[in-house]
């Protein structure tokens, strides 16, 4: 007979691990995006790249 408790603990552990990994991937993605915006802002010496990105992401 299959041990239901063992399988449920393994599935809960896998689910939590998946949540942690997805959070880390999203965090890395947004940090890279922010770094790119900061570099563009420093090179142009304005906040125009940040405002342009905000305009593109804003729902209409």
N, C-alpha and C. Protein backbone atom coordinates (compact mmCIF):
# COMPACT_ATOMS: atom_id res chain seq x y z
N UNK A 1 0.84 -1.19 0.00
CA UNK A 1 0.00 0.00 0.00
C UNK A 1 0.88 1.25 0.00
N UNK A 2 0.40 2.23 -0.68
CA UNK A 2 1.15 3.48 -0.80
C UNK A 2 1.00 4.29 0.48
N UNK A 3 2.12 4.81 0.93
CA UNK A 3 2.10 5.63 2.14
C UNK A 3 1.70 7.06 1.76
N UNK A 4 0.47 7.42 2.04
CA UNK A 4 -0.08 8.71 1.64
C UNK A 4 0.63 9.86 2.35
N UNK A 5 1.01 9.66 3.58
CA UNK A 5 1.67 10.73 4.33
C UNK A 5 3.02 11.08 3.71
N UNK A 6 3.77 10.08 3.30
CA UNK A 6 5.08 10.33 2.69
C UNK A 6 4.94 11.09 1.38
N UNK A 7 3.98 10.65 0.55
CA UNK A 7 3.78 11.32 -0.73
C UNK A 7 3.28 12.75 -0.54
N UNK A 8 2.44 12.98 0.43
CA UNK A 8 1.95 14.33 0.67
C UNK A 8 3.08 15.24 1.18
N UNK A 9 3.96 14.72 2.02
CA UNK A 9 5.09 15.52 2.49
C UNK A 9 6.05 15.84 1.34
N UNK A 10 6.28 14.87 0.47
CA UNK A 10 7.14 15.11 -0.69
C UNK A 10 6.51 16.15 -1.62
N UNK A 11 5.20 16.07 -1.83
CA UNK A 11 4.55 17.05 -2.71
C UNK A 11 4.55 18.44 -2.11
N UNK A 12 4.37 18.55 -0.81
CA UNK A 12 4.40 19.87 -0.15
C UNK A 12 5.81 20.44 -0.23
N UNK A 13 6.83 19.61 -0.03
CA UNK A 13 8.21 20.07 -0.13
C UNK A 13 8.53 20.53 -1.54
N UNK A 14 8.09 19.78 -2.54
CA UNK A 14 8.34 20.16 -3.93
C UNK A 14 7.62 21.47 -4.27
N UNK A 15 6.40 21.64 -3.77
CA UNK A 15 5.66 22.86 -4.00
C UNK A 15 6.37 24.07 -3.39
N UNK A 16 6.83 23.94 -2.16
CA UNK A 16 7.54 25.04 -1.49
C UNK A 16 8.85 25.36 -2.21
N UNK A 17 9.56 24.33 -2.63
CA UNK A 17 10.80 24.54 -3.38
C UNK A 17 10.51 25.29 -4.68
N UNK A 18 9.43 24.93 -5.36
CA UNK A 18 9.04 25.62 -6.59
C UNK A 18 8.72 27.08 -6.34
N UNK A 19 8.03 27.37 -5.25
CA UNK A 19 7.73 28.76 -4.92
C UNK A 19 9.00 29.57 -4.67
N UNK A 20 9.93 28.98 -3.94
CA UNK A 20 11.18 29.67 -3.63
C UNK A 20 11.97 29.94 -4.91
N UNK A 21 12.06 28.94 -5.78
CA UNK A 21 12.81 29.09 -7.03
C UNK A 21 12.16 30.14 -7.92
N UNK A 22 10.84 30.12 -8.05
CA UNK A 22 10.16 31.11 -8.90
C UNK A 22 10.33 32.52 -8.35
N UNK A 23 10.31 32.67 -7.03
CA UNK A 23 10.53 33.98 -6.44
C UNK A 23 11.94 34.48 -6.74
N UNK A 24 12.92 33.60 -6.66
CA UNK A 24 14.30 33.99 -6.94
C UNK A 24 14.47 34.39 -8.40
N UNK A 25 13.85 33.65 -9.31
CA UNK A 25 13.94 33.97 -10.74
C UNK A 25 13.31 35.33 -11.02
N UNK A 26 12.15 35.59 -10.44
CA UNK A 26 11.50 36.89 -10.62
C UNK A 26 12.35 38.01 -10.03
N UNK A 27 12.95 37.77 -8.87
CA UNK A 27 13.79 38.77 -8.22
C UNK A 27 15.01 39.11 -9.10
N UNK A 28 15.65 38.10 -9.65
CA UNK A 28 16.81 38.32 -10.53
C UNK A 28 16.38 39.09 -11.77
N UNK A 29 15.23 38.74 -12.34
CA UNK A 29 14.75 39.42 -13.55
C UNK A 29 14.54 40.92 -13.28
N UNK A 30 13.85 41.25 -12.20
CA UNK A 30 13.56 42.64 -11.92
C UNK A 30 14.80 43.41 -11.46
N UNK A 31 15.74 42.76 -10.81
CA UNK A 31 16.98 43.44 -10.45
C UNK A 31 17.78 43.80 -11.69
N UNK A 32 17.83 42.89 -12.65
CA UNK A 32 18.52 43.19 -13.92
C UNK A 32 17.84 44.32 -14.66
N UNK A 33 16.51 44.31 -14.67
CA UNK A 33 15.77 45.38 -15.34
C UNK A 33 16.03 46.72 -14.66
N UNK A 34 16.03 46.72 -13.34
CA UNK A 34 16.30 47.95 -12.59
C UNK A 34 17.73 48.43 -12.83
N UNK A 35 18.68 47.51 -12.88
CA UNK A 35 20.07 47.88 -13.14
C UNK A 35 20.22 48.53 -14.52
N UNK A 36 19.52 47.98 -15.51
CA UNK A 36 19.55 48.55 -16.85
C UNK A 36 18.98 49.97 -16.85
N UNK A 37 17.86 50.15 -16.16
CA UNK A 37 17.26 51.48 -16.09
C UNK A 37 18.17 52.47 -15.38
N UNK A 38 18.82 52.03 -14.31
CA UNK A 38 19.73 52.93 -13.58
C UNK A 38 20.91 53.32 -14.45
N UNK A 39 21.46 52.36 -15.18
CA UNK A 39 22.59 52.68 -16.07
C UNK A 39 22.18 53.67 -17.15
N UNK A 40 20.99 53.45 -17.73
CA UNK A 40 20.52 54.39 -18.76
C UNK A 40 20.27 55.76 -18.16
N UNK A 41 19.75 55.81 -16.95
CA UNK A 41 19.50 57.10 -16.30
C UNK A 41 20.80 57.83 -15.99
N UNK A 42 21.80 57.08 -15.56
CA UNK A 42 23.09 57.71 -15.25
C UNK A 42 23.75 58.21 -16.52
N UNK A 43 23.67 57.42 -17.59
CA UNK A 43 24.33 57.84 -18.83
C UNK A 43 23.65 59.04 -19.47
N UNK A 44 22.32 59.16 -19.34
CA UNK A 44 21.62 60.32 -19.92
C UNK A 44 21.49 61.47 -18.92
N UNK A 45 21.79 61.20 -17.65
CA UNK A 45 21.70 62.19 -16.56
C UNK A 45 20.29 62.76 -16.39
N UNK A 46 19.29 61.93 -16.71
CA UNK A 46 17.89 62.30 -16.49
C UNK A 46 17.14 61.06 -15.99
N UNK A 47 15.89 61.27 -15.60
CA UNK A 47 15.06 60.14 -15.21
C UNK A 47 14.13 59.75 -16.36
N UNK A 48 14.40 60.23 -17.55
CA UNK A 48 13.55 59.94 -18.71
C UNK A 48 13.41 58.44 -18.98
N UNK A 49 14.47 57.62 -18.90
CA UNK A 49 14.27 56.19 -19.13
C UNK A 49 13.30 55.54 -18.14
N UNK A 50 13.33 55.99 -16.91
CA UNK A 50 12.43 55.45 -15.89
C UNK A 50 10.99 55.85 -16.22
N UNK A 51 10.79 57.10 -16.61
CA UNK A 51 9.45 57.56 -16.95
C UNK A 51 8.93 56.86 -18.21
N UNK A 52 9.79 56.64 -19.19
CA UNK A 52 9.38 55.94 -20.40
C UNK A 52 8.98 54.50 -20.09
N UNK A 53 9.72 53.84 -19.22
CA UNK A 53 9.38 52.47 -18.83
C UNK A 53 8.06 52.44 -18.07
N UNK A 54 7.84 53.43 -17.24
CA UNK A 54 6.58 53.51 -16.49
C UNK A 54 5.41 53.69 -17.45
N UNK A 55 5.58 54.51 -18.46
CA UNK A 55 4.52 54.73 -19.45
C UNK A 55 4.21 53.45 -20.21
N UNK A 56 5.23 52.66 -20.53
CA UNK A 56 5.01 51.43 -21.28
C UNK A 56 4.29 50.39 -20.43
N UNK A 57 4.53 50.36 -19.13
CA UNK A 57 3.94 49.34 -18.26
C UNK A 57 2.57 49.72 -17.72
N UNK A 58 2.22 50.99 -17.80
CA UNK A 58 0.97 51.45 -17.23
C UNK A 58 -0.23 50.95 -18.06
N UNK A 59 -1.22 50.36 -17.43
CA UNK A 59 -2.39 49.89 -18.19
C UNK A 59 -3.23 51.08 -18.66
N UNK A 60 -3.85 50.89 -19.78
CA UNK A 60 -4.66 51.99 -20.35
C UNK A 60 -6.10 51.66 -20.33
